């Protein structure tokens, strides 16, 4: 094997490992912050499973549980409606965050605490809502 080929393979492996761990860490953070946390953790484990057996062992139970939850989530039309309304609510909050209206008169704290996080938080909320709606449509098509 040539030195160039070994270097290419090492760079590819390192890139995949960086991507996988970045997705896992950001996914864990997004579990408590706005964002698709579980989706990023699963994506990170999927990338890491190409190199590590332990990641593949962790990935399959999480995927099974996610499919089971998706199937239950679209079992009835009221559940679908609540999920869609929840995603649209999150999207509207994200748009509000992006617009950044001034703090209302009834706001008891300093103005700097009104919709803190700024534009980035709004974008994150809107992207999360879009992902939720796409996953809802996917679940409906697959499990109903």
N, C-alpha and C. Protein backbone atom coordinates (compact mmCIF):
# COMPACT_ATOMS: atom_id res chain seq x y z
N UNK A 1 0.84 -1.17 0.00
CA UNK A 1 0.00 0.00 0.00
C UNK A 1 0.90 1.24 0.00
N UNK A 2 0.57 2.19 -0.84
CA UNK A 2 1.41 3.38 -0.97
C UNK A 2 1.20 4.31 0.22
N UNK A 3 2.17 5.20 0.42
CA UNK A 3 2.09 6.17 1.51
C UNK A 3 0.91 7.11 1.30
N UNK A 4 0.65 7.45 0.06
CA UNK A 4 -0.47 8.35 -0.24
C UNK A 4 -1.81 7.69 0.12
N UNK A 5 -1.93 6.42 -0.18
CA UNK A 5 -3.15 5.68 0.14
C UNK A 5 -3.35 5.58 1.65
N UNK A 6 -2.26 5.31 2.38
CA UNK A 6 -2.36 5.24 3.85
C UNK A 6 -2.74 6.59 4.43
N UNK A 7 -2.17 7.65 3.88
CA UNK A 7 -2.49 9.00 4.36
C UNK A 7 -3.95 9.33 4.07
N UNK A 8 -4.44 8.97 2.89
CA UNK A 8 -5.83 9.22 2.53
C UNK A 8 -6.77 8.46 3.47
N UNK A 9 -6.45 7.21 3.75
CA UNK A 9 -7.30 6.41 4.63
C UNK A 9 -7.28 6.96 6.06
N UNK A 10 -6.13 7.39 6.54
CA UNK A 10 -6.04 7.96 7.88
C UNK A 10 -6.82 9.28 7.96
N UNK A 11 -6.73 10.10 6.92
CA UNK A 11 -7.46 11.37 6.92
C UNK A 11 -8.97 11.10 6.88
N UNK A 12 -9.38 10.13 6.10
CA UNK A 12 -10.80 9.77 6.01
C UNK A 12 -11.32 9.27 7.36
N UNK A 13 -10.56 8.41 7.99
CA UNK A 13 -10.94 7.87 9.30
C UNK A 13 -11.01 8.97 10.34
N UNK A 14 -10.03 9.86 10.34
CA UNK A 14 -10.02 10.97 11.30
C UNK A 14 -11.19 11.91 11.06
N UNK A 15 -11.48 12.19 9.80
CA UNK A 15 -12.62 13.05 9.48
C UNK A 15 -13.93 12.46 9.93
N UNK A 16 -14.12 11.15 9.70
CA UNK A 16 -15.34 10.49 10.15
C UNK A 16 -15.45 10.49 11.67
N UNK A 17 -14.33 10.28 12.33
CA UNK A 17 -14.36 10.27 13.79
C UNK A 17 -14.69 11.65 14.35
N UNK A 18 -14.11 12.69 13.78
CA UNK A 18 -14.42 14.05 14.21
C UNK A 18 -15.89 14.36 13.97
N UNK A 19 -16.40 14.01 12.79
CA UNK A 19 -17.80 14.25 12.48
C UNK A 19 -18.71 13.49 13.44
N UNK A 20 -18.42 12.22 13.68
CA UNK A 20 -19.25 11.40 14.56
C UNK A 20 -19.30 11.94 15.98
N UNK A 21 -18.13 12.24 16.54
CA UNK A 21 -18.09 12.76 17.91
C UNK A 21 -18.71 14.14 18.01
N UNK A 22 -18.53 14.96 16.98
CA UNK A 22 -19.15 16.28 16.98
C UNK A 22 -20.67 16.15 17.00
N UNK A 23 -21.22 15.27 16.19
CA UNK A 23 -22.67 15.05 16.18
C UNK A 23 -23.17 14.52 17.52
N UNK A 24 -22.43 13.61 18.13
CA UNK A 24 -22.84 13.06 19.42
C UNK A 24 -22.84 14.15 20.49
N UNK A 25 -21.77 14.93 20.56
CA UNK A 25 -21.67 15.98 21.59
C UNK A 25 -22.72 17.06 21.37
N UNK A 26 -22.88 17.52 20.12
CA UNK A 26 -23.91 18.53 19.84
C UNK A 26 -25.31 17.96 20.08
N UNK A 27 -25.50 16.69 19.78
CA UNK A 27 -26.80 16.06 20.03
C UNK A 27 -27.12 15.99 21.51
N UNK A 28 -26.14 15.66 22.32
CA UNK A 28 -26.36 15.63 23.77
C UNK A 28 -26.70 17.03 24.26
N UNK A 29 -25.99 18.04 23.75
CA UNK A 29 -26.29 19.41 24.14
C UNK A 29 -27.69 19.81 23.68
N UNK A 30 -28.07 19.37 22.49
CA UNK A 30 -29.38 19.73 21.94
C UNK A 30 -30.53 18.99 22.61
N UNK A 31 -30.23 18.00 23.43
CA UNK A 31 -31.29 17.36 24.19
C UNK A 31 -31.91 18.33 25.19
N UNK A 32 -31.11 19.28 25.69
CA UNK A 32 -31.62 20.27 26.64
C UNK A 32 -31.72 21.66 26.02
N UNK A 33 -31.07 21.87 24.90
CA UNK A 33 -31.14 23.14 24.18
C UNK A 33 -32.06 22.97 22.98
N UNK A 34 -32.45 24.07 22.35
CA UNK A 34 -33.27 23.91 21.13
C UNK A 34 -32.49 23.19 20.05
N UNK A 35 -33.07 22.17 19.51
CA UNK A 35 -32.42 21.44 18.43
C UNK A 35 -32.82 19.98 18.43
N UNK A 36 -32.55 19.30 17.34
CA UNK A 36 -32.92 17.88 17.21
C UNK A 36 -31.87 16.98 17.85
N UNK A 37 -31.85 16.93 19.18
CA UNK A 37 -30.80 16.23 19.91
C UNK A 37 -30.69 14.76 19.62
N UNK A 38 -31.79 14.04 19.75
CA UNK A 38 -31.74 12.60 19.55
C UNK A 38 -31.35 12.25 18.12
N UNK A 39 -31.82 13.05 17.18
CA UNK A 39 -31.48 12.82 15.79
C UNK A 39 -29.98 12.98 15.56
N UNK A 40 -29.38 13.98 16.19
CA UNK A 40 -27.93 14.18 16.03
C UNK A 40 -27.14 13.07 16.72
N UNK A 41 -27.60 12.61 17.89
CA UNK A 41 -26.92 11.52 18.57
C UNK A 41 -26.95 10.26 17.71
N UNK A 42 -28.12 9.97 17.14
CA UNK A 42 -28.24 8.79 16.27
C UNK A 42 -27.34 8.95 15.04
N UNK A 43 -27.32 10.14 14.46
CA UNK A 43 -26.44 10.38 13.31
C UNK A 43 -24.98 10.20 13.66
N UNK A 44 -24.58 10.72 14.82
CA UNK A 44 -23.20 10.56 15.27
C UNK A 44 -22.85 9.10 15.51
N UNK A 45 -23.76 8.37 16.14
CA UNK A 45 -23.51 6.94 16.37
C UNK A 45 -23.46 6.17 15.05
N UNK A 46 -24.29 6.59 14.08
CA UNK A 46 -24.26 5.93 12.77
C UNK A 46 -22.90 6.13 12.11
N UNK A 47 -22.35 7.33 12.21
CA UNK A 47 -21.03 7.59 11.63
C UNK A 47 -19.97 6.80 12.39
N UNK A 48 -20.02 6.84 13.72
CA UNK A 48 -19.02 6.13 14.52
C UNK A 48 -19.13 4.61 14.39
N UNK A 49 -20.34 4.10 14.06
CA UNK A 49 -20.52 2.65 13.94
C UNK A 49 -19.75 2.07 12.76
N UNK A 50 -19.32 2.94 11.84
CA UNK A 50 -18.51 2.46 10.72
C UNK A 50 -17.12 2.04 11.18
N UNK A 51 -16.71 2.56 12.37
CA UNK A 51 -15.37 2.26 12.85
C UNK A 51 -15.35 1.49 14.17
N UNK A 52 -16.44 1.60 14.95
CA UNK A 52 -16.44 1.02 16.29
C UNK A 52 -17.63 0.09 16.48
N UNK A 53 -17.34 -1.10 17.01
CA UNK A 53 -18.40 -2.06 17.29
C UNK A 53 -19.32 -1.56 18.40
N UNK A 54 -18.75 -0.89 19.41
CA UNK A 54 -19.57 -0.42 20.52
C UNK A 54 -20.63 0.59 20.04
N UNK A 55 -20.27 1.42 19.05
CA UNK A 55 -21.22 2.40 18.53
C UNK A 55 -22.36 1.70 17.79
N UNK A 56 -22.02 0.64 17.08
CA UNK A 56 -23.06 -0.12 16.37
C UNK A 56 -23.98 -0.81 17.36
N UNK A 57 -23.41 -1.34 18.46
CA UNK A 57 -24.24 -1.97 19.48
C UNK A 57 -25.19 -0.96 20.14
N UNK A 58 -24.75 0.27 20.33
CA UNK A 58 -25.59 1.32 20.92
C UNK A 58 -26.62 1.84 19.93
N UNK A 59 -26.26 1.85 18.66
CA UNK A 59 -27.12 2.43 17.63
C UNK A 59 -28.40 1.63 17.43
N UNK A 60 -28.31 0.32 17.36
CA UNK A 60 -29.48 -0.50 17.03
C UNK A 60 -30.60 -0.41 18.05
N UNK A 61 -30.33 -0.48 19.36
CA UNK A 61 -31.45 -0.32 20.30
C UNK A 61 -32.08 1.08 20.24
N UNK A 62 -31.29 2.09 20.00
CA UNK A 62 -31.83 3.45 19.91
C UNK A 62 -32.71 3.57 18.67
N UNK A 63 -32.26 3.02 17.55
CA UNK A 63 -33.08 3.04 16.33
C UNK A 63 -34.38 2.28 16.52
N UNK A 64 -34.30 1.12 17.17
CA UNK A 64 -35.51 0.32 17.42
C UNK A 64 -36.50 1.11 18.27
N UNK A 65 -36.00 1.74 19.33
CA UNK A 65 -36.85 2.53 20.20
C UNK A 65 -37.43 3.74 19.47
N UNK A 66 -36.64 4.36 18.62
CA UNK A 66 -37.12 5.51 17.85
C UNK A 66 -38.23 5.10 16.89
N UNK A 67 -38.08 3.96 16.22
CA UNK A 67 -39.13 3.48 15.32
C UNK A 67 -40.40 3.12 16.10
N UNK A 68 -40.21 2.51 17.27
CA UNK A 68 -41.37 2.17 18.09
C UNK A 68 -42.10 3.43 18.53
N UNK A 69 -41.36 4.45 18.95
CA UNK A 69 -41.98 5.72 19.37
C UNK A 69 -42.67 6.40 18.20
N UNK A 70 -42.05 6.35 17.02
CA UNK A 70 -42.67 6.97 15.84
C UNK A 70 -43.97 6.25 15.48
N UNK A 71 -43.98 4.94 15.60
CA UNK A 71 -45.18 4.18 15.29
C UNK A 71 -46.31 4.51 16.26
N UNK A 72 -45.99 4.61 17.54
CA UNK A 72 -46.98 4.97 18.54
C UNK A 72 -47.44 6.42 18.35
N UNK A 73 -46.52 7.28 17.96
CA UNK A 73 -46.83 8.70 17.80
C UNK A 73 -47.81 9.01 16.69
N UNK A 74 -47.91 8.14 15.71
CA UNK A 74 -48.85 8.38 14.60
C UNK A 74 -49.97 7.35 14.58
N UNK A 75 -50.19 6.72 15.72
CA UNK A 75 -51.22 5.68 15.80
C UNK A 75 -52.62 6.26 15.63
N UNK A 76 -52.87 7.45 16.19
CA UNK A 76 -54.20 8.06 16.09
C UNK A 76 -54.06 9.47 15.50
N UNK A 77 -55.16 9.94 14.90
CA UNK A 77 -55.14 11.28 14.31
C UNK A 77 -54.99 12.38 15.36
N UNK A 78 -55.56 12.26 16.56
CA UNK A 78 -55.31 13.31 17.56
C UNK A 78 -53.83 13.44 17.92
N UNK A 79 -53.11 12.33 17.99
CA UNK A 79 -51.67 12.40 18.26
C UNK A 79 -50.93 13.12 17.14
N UNK A 80 -51.33 12.82 15.90
CA UNK A 80 -50.71 13.47 14.75
C UNK A 80 -50.99 14.97 14.80
N UNK A 81 -52.24 15.34 15.11
CA UNK A 81 -52.61 16.75 15.17
C UNK A 81 -51.84 17.48 16.26
N UNK A 82 -51.73 16.87 17.43
CA UNK A 82 -50.99 17.51 18.53
C UNK A 82 -49.51 17.66 18.15
N UNK A 83 -48.94 16.65 17.52
CA UNK A 83 -47.53 16.74 17.10
C UNK A 83 -47.33 17.85 16.08
N UNK A 84 -48.23 17.94 15.11
CA UNK A 84 -48.11 18.98 14.08
C UNK A 84 -48.29 20.36 14.70
N UNK A 85 -49.27 20.50 15.57
CA UNK A 85 -49.48 21.80 16.23
C UNK A 85 -48.30 22.18 17.11
N UNK A 86 -47.72 21.19 17.79
CA UNK A 86 -46.53 21.46 18.60
C UNK A 86 -45.36 21.94 17.76
N UNK A 87 -45.15 21.30 16.61
CA UNK A 87 -44.06 21.72 15.72
C UNK A 87 -44.32 23.12 15.17
N UNK A 88 -45.57 23.40 14.81
CA UNK A 88 -45.90 24.74 14.30
C UNK A 88 -45.75 25.79 15.40
N UNK A 89 -46.06 25.43 16.64
CA UNK A 89 -45.87 26.34 17.76
C UNK A 89 -44.38 26.66 17.95
N UNK A 90 -43.55 25.63 17.91
CA UNK A 90 -42.10 25.84 18.03
C UNK A 90 -41.60 26.72 16.89
N UNK A 91 -42.11 26.49 15.69
CA UNK A 91 -41.70 27.30 14.54
C UNK A 91 -42.12 28.76 14.74
N UNK A 92 -43.32 28.98 15.25
CA UNK A 92 -43.76 30.37 15.47
C UNK A 92 -42.92 31.05 16.54
N UNK A 93 -42.54 30.30 17.58
CA UNK A 93 -41.64 30.87 18.58
C UNK A 93 -40.29 31.22 17.96
N UNK A 94 -39.79 30.36 17.09
CA UNK A 94 -38.52 30.65 16.42
C UNK A 94 -38.61 31.89 15.56
N UNK A 95 -39.71 32.05 14.85
CA UNK A 95 -39.89 33.26 14.03
C UNK A 95 -39.95 34.48 14.91
N UNK A 96 -40.66 34.38 16.05
CA UNK A 96 -40.71 35.48 17.01
C UNK A 96 -39.31 35.84 17.48
N UNK A 97 -38.51 34.84 17.79
CA UNK A 97 -37.13 35.06 18.23
C UNK A 97 -36.32 35.75 17.14
N UNK A 98 -36.53 35.36 15.91
CA UNK A 98 -35.76 35.95 14.80
C UNK A 98 -36.17 37.40 14.57
N UNK A 99 -37.45 37.72 14.77
CA UNK A 99 -37.92 39.09 14.57
C UNK A 99 -37.43 40.00 15.69
N UNK A 100 -37.33 39.46 16.90
CA UNK A 100 -36.87 40.19 18.08
C UNK A 100 -37.71 41.45 18.37
N UNK A 101 -39.02 41.29 18.64
CA UNK A 101 -39.82 42.47 19.00
C UNK A 101 -39.36 43.00 20.36
N UNK A 102 -39.62 44.27 20.65
CA UNK A 102 -39.23 44.82 21.94
C UNK A 102 -39.99 44.15 23.08
N UNK A 103 -39.43 44.19 24.28
CA UNK A 103 -40.07 43.58 25.44
C UNK A 103 -41.38 44.30 25.74
N UNK A 104 -42.44 43.55 26.04
CA UNK A 104 -43.72 44.17 26.35
C UNK A 104 -43.70 44.84 27.73
N UNK A 105 -44.69 45.66 28.00
CA UNK A 105 -44.75 46.38 29.27
C UNK A 105 -44.92 45.44 30.46
N UNK A 106 -45.58 44.31 30.25
CA UNK A 106 -45.82 43.39 31.35
C UNK A 106 -44.60 42.56 31.73
N UNK A 107 -43.52 42.61 30.93
CA UNK A 107 -42.33 41.81 31.18
C UNK A 107 -41.66 42.27 32.47
N UNK A 108 -41.52 41.39 33.49
CA UNK A 108 -41.04 41.82 34.81
C UNK A 108 -39.52 41.96 34.92
N UNK A 109 -38.77 41.37 34.01
CA UNK A 109 -37.31 41.39 34.09
C UNK A 109 -36.75 42.49 33.20
N UNK A 110 -35.42 42.62 33.24
CA UNK A 110 -34.77 43.59 32.37
C UNK A 110 -35.00 43.22 30.91
N UNK A 111 -34.97 44.22 30.05
CA UNK A 111 -35.21 43.98 28.62
C UNK A 111 -34.21 43.01 28.00
N UNK A 112 -32.98 42.96 28.54
CA UNK A 112 -31.97 42.06 27.96
C UNK A 112 -32.35 40.58 28.13
N UNK A 113 -33.27 40.26 29.05
CA UNK A 113 -33.69 38.88 29.26
C UNK A 113 -34.90 38.51 28.42
N UNK A 114 -35.42 39.44 27.64
CA UNK A 114 -36.54 39.16 26.75
C UNK A 114 -36.01 38.49 25.49
N UNK A 115 -36.41 37.28 25.25
CA UNK A 115 -35.99 36.51 24.07
C UNK A 115 -34.47 36.47 23.92
N UNK A 116 -33.78 36.19 25.03
CA UNK A 116 -32.32 36.12 24.97
C UNK A 116 -31.90 34.96 24.08
N UNK A 117 -30.75 35.06 23.53
CA UNK A 117 -30.24 34.05 22.61
C UNK A 117 -30.20 34.56 21.19
N UNK A 118 -31.08 35.50 20.88
CA UNK A 118 -31.04 36.17 19.60
C UNK A 118 -31.45 35.33 18.40
N UNK A 119 -30.96 35.78 17.27
CA UNK A 119 -31.32 35.22 15.98
C UNK A 119 -30.97 33.73 15.88
N UNK A 120 -29.83 33.35 16.43
CA UNK A 120 -29.39 31.94 16.36
C UNK A 120 -30.37 31.00 17.03
N UNK A 121 -30.93 31.41 18.16
CA UNK A 121 -31.93 30.58 18.84
C UNK A 121 -33.16 30.43 17.98
N UNK A 122 -33.58 31.52 17.34
CA UNK A 122 -34.75 31.46 16.46
C UNK A 122 -34.53 30.52 15.29
N UNK A 123 -33.37 30.61 14.67
CA UNK A 123 -33.06 29.72 13.54
C UNK A 123 -33.06 28.27 14.01
N UNK A 124 -32.48 28.01 15.17
CA UNK A 124 -32.45 26.66 15.71
C UNK A 124 -33.85 26.12 15.97
N UNK A 125 -34.73 26.95 16.49
CA UNK A 125 -36.11 26.53 16.73
C UNK A 125 -36.84 26.25 15.42
N UNK A 126 -36.67 27.10 14.44
CA UNK A 126 -37.34 26.89 13.15
C UNK A 126 -36.82 25.62 12.49
N UNK A 127 -35.51 25.40 12.50
CA UNK A 127 -34.95 24.17 11.91
C UNK A 127 -35.44 22.94 12.65
N UNK A 128 -35.54 23.02 13.97
CA UNK A 128 -36.05 21.89 14.75
C UNK A 128 -37.49 21.58 14.37
N UNK A 129 -38.29 22.62 14.19
CA UNK A 129 -39.69 22.42 13.81
C UNK A 129 -39.81 21.80 12.42
N UNK A 130 -38.97 22.26 11.51
CA UNK A 130 -38.99 21.70 10.16
C UNK A 130 -38.61 20.22 10.20
N UNK A 131 -37.58 19.88 10.96
CA UNK A 131 -37.18 18.48 11.09
C UNK A 131 -38.30 17.67 11.72
N UNK A 132 -38.96 18.22 12.74
CA UNK A 132 -40.08 17.52 13.38
C UNK A 132 -41.20 17.26 12.39
N UNK A 133 -41.54 18.24 11.56
CA UNK A 133 -42.61 18.06 10.58
C UNK A 133 -42.22 17.04 9.52
N UNK A 134 -40.97 17.08 9.08
CA UNK A 134 -40.51 16.09 8.09
C UNK A 134 -40.57 14.68 8.69
N UNK A 135 -40.13 14.53 9.93
CA UNK A 135 -40.18 13.22 10.57
C UNK A 135 -41.62 12.78 10.81
N UNK A 136 -42.51 13.72 11.08
CA UNK A 136 -43.92 13.38 11.24
C UNK A 136 -44.50 12.84 9.94
N UNK A 137 -44.20 13.53 8.84
CA UNK A 137 -44.68 13.06 7.53
C UNK A 137 -44.08 11.69 7.21
N UNK A 138 -42.79 11.52 7.47
CA UNK A 138 -42.14 10.23 7.24
C UNK A 138 -42.83 9.12 8.06
N UNK A 139 -43.11 9.41 9.33
CA UNK A 139 -43.74 8.42 10.20
C UNK A 139 -45.14 8.07 9.72
N UNK A 140 -45.87 9.08 9.27
CA UNK A 140 -47.23 8.82 8.76
C UNK A 140 -47.15 7.92 7.53
N UNK A 141 -46.25 8.24 6.62
CA UNK A 141 -46.14 7.45 5.40
C UNK A 141 -45.65 6.02 5.68
N UNK A 142 -44.77 5.87 6.64
CA UNK A 142 -44.20 4.56 6.90
C UNK A 142 -45.09 3.68 7.78
N UNK A 143 -45.72 4.26 8.79
CA UNK A 143 -46.42 3.45 9.79
C UNK A 143 -47.94 3.51 9.72
N UNK A 144 -48.51 4.26 8.78
CA UNK A 144 -49.97 4.31 8.69
C UNK A 144 -50.41 3.82 7.33
